[in-house]
Amino acid sequence: MKIAARVSNTSSRHSVEVETDGRKQSIAIVPKSVGRGSAINGGELLFAALATCFCNDLYREASKRNIAIQDVEVEVTGTFGNPGEPARDISYRVQVHANAPQSTIDDLIRATDSVTEIQNTLRAGCAVRLEQA
């Protein structure tokens, strides 16, 4: 699966586009009210990616186990320091309501945590490189 994200920012426009295997979508993110760039910072988007990945994967894994989920809430927190420093102390909490015993839900949450791609990417310390045109 090939994934890409693009941000385009000018003095009059800010756009964010994501793409998976050729399927493009826009994400509505407003520009900063003062200055240039996005009103949402990269740390917020990173944490949203962690929460989104877990939520989506939870439904996938629940389907494999025939568990009907009513609702999910995922909250990701962490700390960023000075410019250039990586995040630290990233953790997340999950609340799941489903028609299943709590022990089954807990097993589902743990199993999902082990296969979430974004969490596992960060845990593995994936290299990121700059490619200059």
C-alpha atoms as a PDB file:
ATOM      1  CA  MET A   1       0.000   0.000   0.000  1.00  0.00           C
ATOM      2  CA  LYS A   2       1.588   3.286  -1.134  1.00  0.00           C
ATOM      3  CA  ILE A   3       0.686   6.297   1.027  1.00  0.00           C
ATOM      4  CA  ALA A   4       1.527   9.971   0.506  1.00  0.00           C
ATOM      5  CA  ALA A   5       0.626  13.299   2.087  1.00  0.00           C
ATOM      6  CA  ARG A   6       1.044  16.773   0.600  1.00  0.00           C
ATOM      7  CA  VAL A   7       0.800  20.214   2.176  1.00  0.00           C
ATOM      8  CA  SER A   8       0.661  23.319  -0.006  1.00  0.00           C
ATOM      9  CA  ASN A   9       0.810  26.751   1.614  1.00  0.00           C
ATOM     10  CA  THR A  10       0.816  30.206   0.045  1.00  0.00           C
ATOM     11  CA  SER A  11      -0.116  33.627   1.354  1.00  0.00           C
ATOM     12  CA  SER A  12      -3.733  32.997   0.303  1.00  0.00           C
ATOM     13  CA  ARG A  13      -4.216  29.223   0.544  1.00  0.00           C
ATOM     14  CA  HIS A  14      -3.486  26.193   2.702  1.00  0.00           C
ATOM     15  CA  SER A  15      -4.324  22.691   1.508  1.00  0.00           C
ATOM     16  CA  VAL A  16      -3.646  19.191   2.778  1.00  0.00           C
ATOM     17  CA  GLU A  17      -4.078  16.137   0.595  1.00  0.00           C
ATOM     18  CA  VAL A  18      -3.546  12.488   1.464  1.00  0.00           C
ATOM     19  CA  GLU A  19      -3.355   9.557  -0.904  1.00  0.00           C
ATOM     20  CA  THR A  20      -3.472   5.773  -0.562  1.00  0.00           C
ATOM     21  CA  ASP A  21      -2.877   3.634  -3.648  1.00  0.00           C
ATOM     22  CA  GLY A  22      -3.963   6.469  -5.948  1.00  0.00           C
ATOM     23  CA  ARG A  23      -7.110   7.402  -3.978  1.00  0.00           C
ATOM     24  CA  LYS A  24      -6.755  11.097  -3.055  1.00  0.00           C
ATOM     25  CA  GLN A  25      -8.628  12.961  -0.354  1.00  0.00           C
ATOM     26  CA  SER A  26      -8.433  16.482   1.028  1.00  0.00           C
ATOM     27  CA  ILE A  27      -8.317  17.217   4.737  1.00  0.00           C
ATOM     28  CA  ALA A  28      -9.740  20.551   5.849  1.00  0.00           C
ATOM     29  CA  ILE A  29      -7.059  22.217   7.949  1.00  0.00           C
ATOM     30  CA  VAL A  30      -7.160  25.964   8.175  1.00  0.00           C
ATOM     31  CA  PRO A  31      -4.053  28.157   7.905  1.00  0.00           C
ATOM     32  CA  LYS A  32      -2.614  29.944  10.919  1.00  0.00           C
ATOM     33  CA  SER A  33      -4.565  33.067  11.796  1.00  0.00           C
ATOM     34  CA  VAL A  34      -1.272  34.965  12.041  1.00  0.00           C
ATOM     35  CA  GLY A  35       1.771  34.110   9.936  1.00  0.00           C
ATOM     36  CA  ARG A  36       2.145  31.243   7.518  1.00  0.00           C
ATOM     37  CA  GLY A  37       1.582  27.515   7.782  1.00  0.00           C
ATOM     38  CA  SER A  38      -1.064  25.307   9.355  1.00  0.00           C
ATOM     39  CA  ALA A  39      -3.207  26.092  12.396  1.00  0.00           C
ATOM     40  CA  ILE A  40      -2.623  22.490  13.492  1.00  0.00           C
ATOM     41  CA  ASN A  41       0.908  21.443  14.385  1.00  0.00           C
ATOM     42  CA  GLY A  42       2.667  18.253  13.367  1.00  0.00           C
ATOM     43  CA  GLY A  43       2.582  16.811  16.877  1.00  0.00           C
ATOM     44  CA  GLU A  44      -1.192  17.084  16.924  1.00  0.00           C
ATOM     45  CA  LEU A  45      -1.376  15.388  13.531  1.00  0.00           C
ATOM     46  CA  LEU A  46       1.015  12.649  14.667  1.00  0.00           C
ATOM     47  CA  PHE A  47      -1.122  11.945  17.713  1.00  0.00           C
ATOM     48  CA  ALA A  48      -4.267  12.035  15.550  1.00  0.00           C
ATOM     49  CA  ALA A  49      -2.574   9.470  13.278  1.00  0.00           C
ATOM     50  CA  LEU A  50      -1.913   7.205  16.264  1.00  0.00           C
ATOM     51  CA  ALA A  51      -5.514   7.510  17.452  1.00  0.00           C
ATOM     52  CA  THR A  52      -6.931   7.008  13.951  1.00  0.00           C
ATOM     53  CA  CYS A  53      -4.755   3.982  13.262  1.00  0.00           C
ATOM     54  CA  PHE A  54      -5.795   2.288  16.481  1.00  0.00           C
ATOM     55  CA  CYS A  55      -9.482   3.062  15.937  1.00  0.00           C
ATOM     56  CA  ASN A  56      -9.498   1.739  12.362  1.00  0.00           C
ATOM     57  CA  ASP A  57      -7.461  -1.335  13.256  1.00  0.00           C
ATOM     58  CA  LEU A  58      -9.697  -2.061  16.239  1.00  0.00           C
ATOM     59  CA  TYR A  59     -12.734  -2.340  13.964  1.00  0.00           C
ATOM     60  CA  ARG A  60     -10.740  -4.555  11.577  1.00  0.00           C
ATOM     61  CA  GLU A  61      -9.630  -6.879  14.378  1.00  0.00           C
ATOM     62  CA  ALA A  62     -13.093  -6.912  15.978  1.00  0.00           C
ATOM     63  CA  SER A  63     -14.605  -7.971  12.671  1.00  0.00           C
ATOM     64  CA  LYS A  64     -12.218 -10.943  12.527  1.00  0.00           C
ATOM     65  CA  ARG A  65     -13.482 -11.988  15.972  1.00  0.00           C
ATOM     66  CA  ASN A  66     -17.166 -11.276  15.266  1.00  0.00           C
ATOM     67  CA  ILE A  67     -17.276  -8.594  17.964  1.00  0.00           C
ATOM     68  CA  ALA A  68     -19.806  -5.816  17.356  1.00  0.00           C
ATOM     69  CA  ILE A  69     -18.409  -2.509  18.618  1.00  0.00           C
ATOM     70  CA  GLN A  70     -20.820   0.278  19.562  1.00  0.00           C
ATOM     71  CA  ASP A  71     -18.271   3.034  20.092  1.00  0.00           C
ATOM     72  CA  VAL A  72     -14.576   3.710  20.533  1.00  0.00           C
ATOM     73  CA  GLU A  73     -12.676   6.584  22.086  1.00  0.00           C
ATOM     74  CA  VAL A  74      -8.895   6.869  21.734  1.00  0.00           C
ATOM     75  CA  GLU A  75      -6.894   9.601  23.454  1.00  0.00           C
ATOM     76  CA  VAL A  76      -3.181  10.031  22.723  1.00  0.00           C
ATOM     77  CA  THR A  77      -0.937  12.227  24.867  1.00  0.00           C
ATOM     78  CA  GLY A  78       2.757  13.018  24.933  1.00  0.00           C
ATOM     79  CA  THR A  79       5.278  15.782  25.309  1.00  0.00           C
ATOM     80  CA  PHE A  80       7.382  17.764  22.876  1.00  0.00           C
ATOM     81  CA  GLY A  81      10.305  19.870  24.090  1.00  0.00           C
ATOM     82  CA  ASN A  82      12.411  22.403  22.237  1.00  0.00           C
ATOM     83  CA  PRO A  83      12.432  22.727  18.444  1.00  0.00           C
ATOM     84  CA  GLY A  84      14.042  19.659  16.895  1.00  0.00           C
ATOM     85  CA  GLU A  85      13.529  17.385  19.887  1.00  0.00           C
ATOM     86  CA  PRO A  86      11.500  14.213  19.366  1.00  0.00           C
ATOM     87  CA  ALA A  87       8.331  13.516  21.321  1.00  0.00           C
ATOM     88  CA  ARG A  88       8.582  11.581  24.545  1.00  0.00           C
ATOM     89  CA  ASP A  89       6.224   9.866  26.926  1.00  0.00           C
ATOM     90  CA  ILE A  90       3.664   9.051  24.228  1.00  0.00           C
ATOM     91  CA  SER A  91       0.814   6.960  25.573  1.00  0.00           C
ATOM     92  CA  TYR A  92      -2.764   6.293  24.675  1.00  0.00           C
ATOM     93  CA  ARG A  93      -5.966   5.256  26.369  1.00  0.00           C
ATOM     94  CA  VAL A  94      -8.784   3.374  24.751  1.00  0.00           C
ATOM     95  CA  GLN A  95     -12.417   3.005  25.740  1.00  0.00           C
ATOM     96  CA  VAL A  96     -14.456   0.439  23.833  1.00  0.00           C
ATOM     97  CA  HIS A  97     -18.107  -0.416  24.249  1.00  0.00           C
ATOM     98  CA  ALA A  98     -19.118  -3.689  22.619  1.00  0.00           C
ATOM     99  CA  ASN A  99     -21.514  -6.576  23.064  1.00  0.00           C
ATOM    100  CA  ALA A 100     -18.844  -8.783  24.598  1.00  0.00           C
ATOM    101  CA  PRO A 101     -17.462  -9.568  28.049  1.00  0.00           C
ATOM    102  CA  GLN A 102     -14.905  -7.060  29.316  1.00  0.00           C
ATOM    103  CA  SER A 103     -12.156  -9.703  29.208  1.00  0.00           C
ATOM    104  CA  THR A 104     -12.864 -10.237  25.485  1.00  0.00           C
ATOM    105  CA  ILE A 105     -12.749  -6.470  24.874  1.00  0.00           C
ATOM    106  CA  ASP A 106      -9.474  -6.217  26.806  1.00  0.00           C
ATOM    107  CA  ASP A 107      -7.972  -9.038  24.717  1.00  0.00           C
ATOM    108  CA  LEU A 108      -9.136  -7.280  21.550  1.00  0.00           C
ATOM    109  CA  ILE A 109      -7.497  -4.013  22.647  1.00  0.00           C
ATOM    110  CA  ARG A 110      -4.182  -5.762  23.420  1.00  0.00           C
ATOM    111  CA  ALA A 111      -4.261  -7.718  20.149  1.00  0.00           C
ATOM    112  CA  THR A 112      -5.004  -4.545  18.187  1.00  0.00           C
ATOM    113  CA  ASP A 113      -2.165  -2.687  19.910  1.00  0.00           C
ATOM    114  CA  SER A 114       0.236  -5.361  18.669  1.00  0.00           C
ATOM    115  CA  VAL A 115      -0.742  -4.837  15.001  1.00  0.00           C
ATOM    116  CA  THR A 116      -1.295  -1.071  14.737  1.00  0.00           C
ATOM    117  CA  GLU A 117       0.969   0.066  11.938  1.00  0.00           C
ATOM    118  CA  ILE A 118       1.583   3.653  13.083  1.00  0.00           C
ATOM    119  CA  GLN A 119       2.358   2.627  16.664  1.00  0.00           C
ATOM    120  CA  ASN A 120       4.647  -0.136  15.416  1.00  0.00           C
ATOM    121  CA  THR A 121       6.376   2.288  13.028  1.00  0.00           C
ATOM    122  CA  LEU A 122       7.248   4.592  15.926  1.00  0.00           C
ATOM    123  CA  ARG A 123       8.212   1.683  18.166  1.00  0.00           C
ATOM    124  CA  ALA A 124      10.605   0.405  15.497  1.00  0.00           C
ATOM    125  CA  GLY A 125      12.211   3.839  15.036  1.00  0.00           C
ATOM    126  CA  CYS A 126      11.648   4.051  11.278  1.00  0.00           C
ATOM    127  CA  ALA A 127      14.229   6.097   9.377  1.00  0.00           C
ATOM    128  CA  VAL A 128      13.017   9.272   7.660  1.00  0.00           C
ATOM    129  CA  ARG A 129      15.154  10.886   4.978  1.00  0.00           C
ATOM    130  CA  LEU A 130      15.006  14.205   3.144  1.00  0.00           C
ATOM    131  CA  GLU A 131      15.035  13.954  -0.658  1.00  0.00           C
ATOM    132  CA  GLN A 132      15.905  17.284  -2.199  1.00  0.00           C
ATOM    133  CA  ALA A 133      14.779  18.084  -5.734  1.00  0.00           C
END
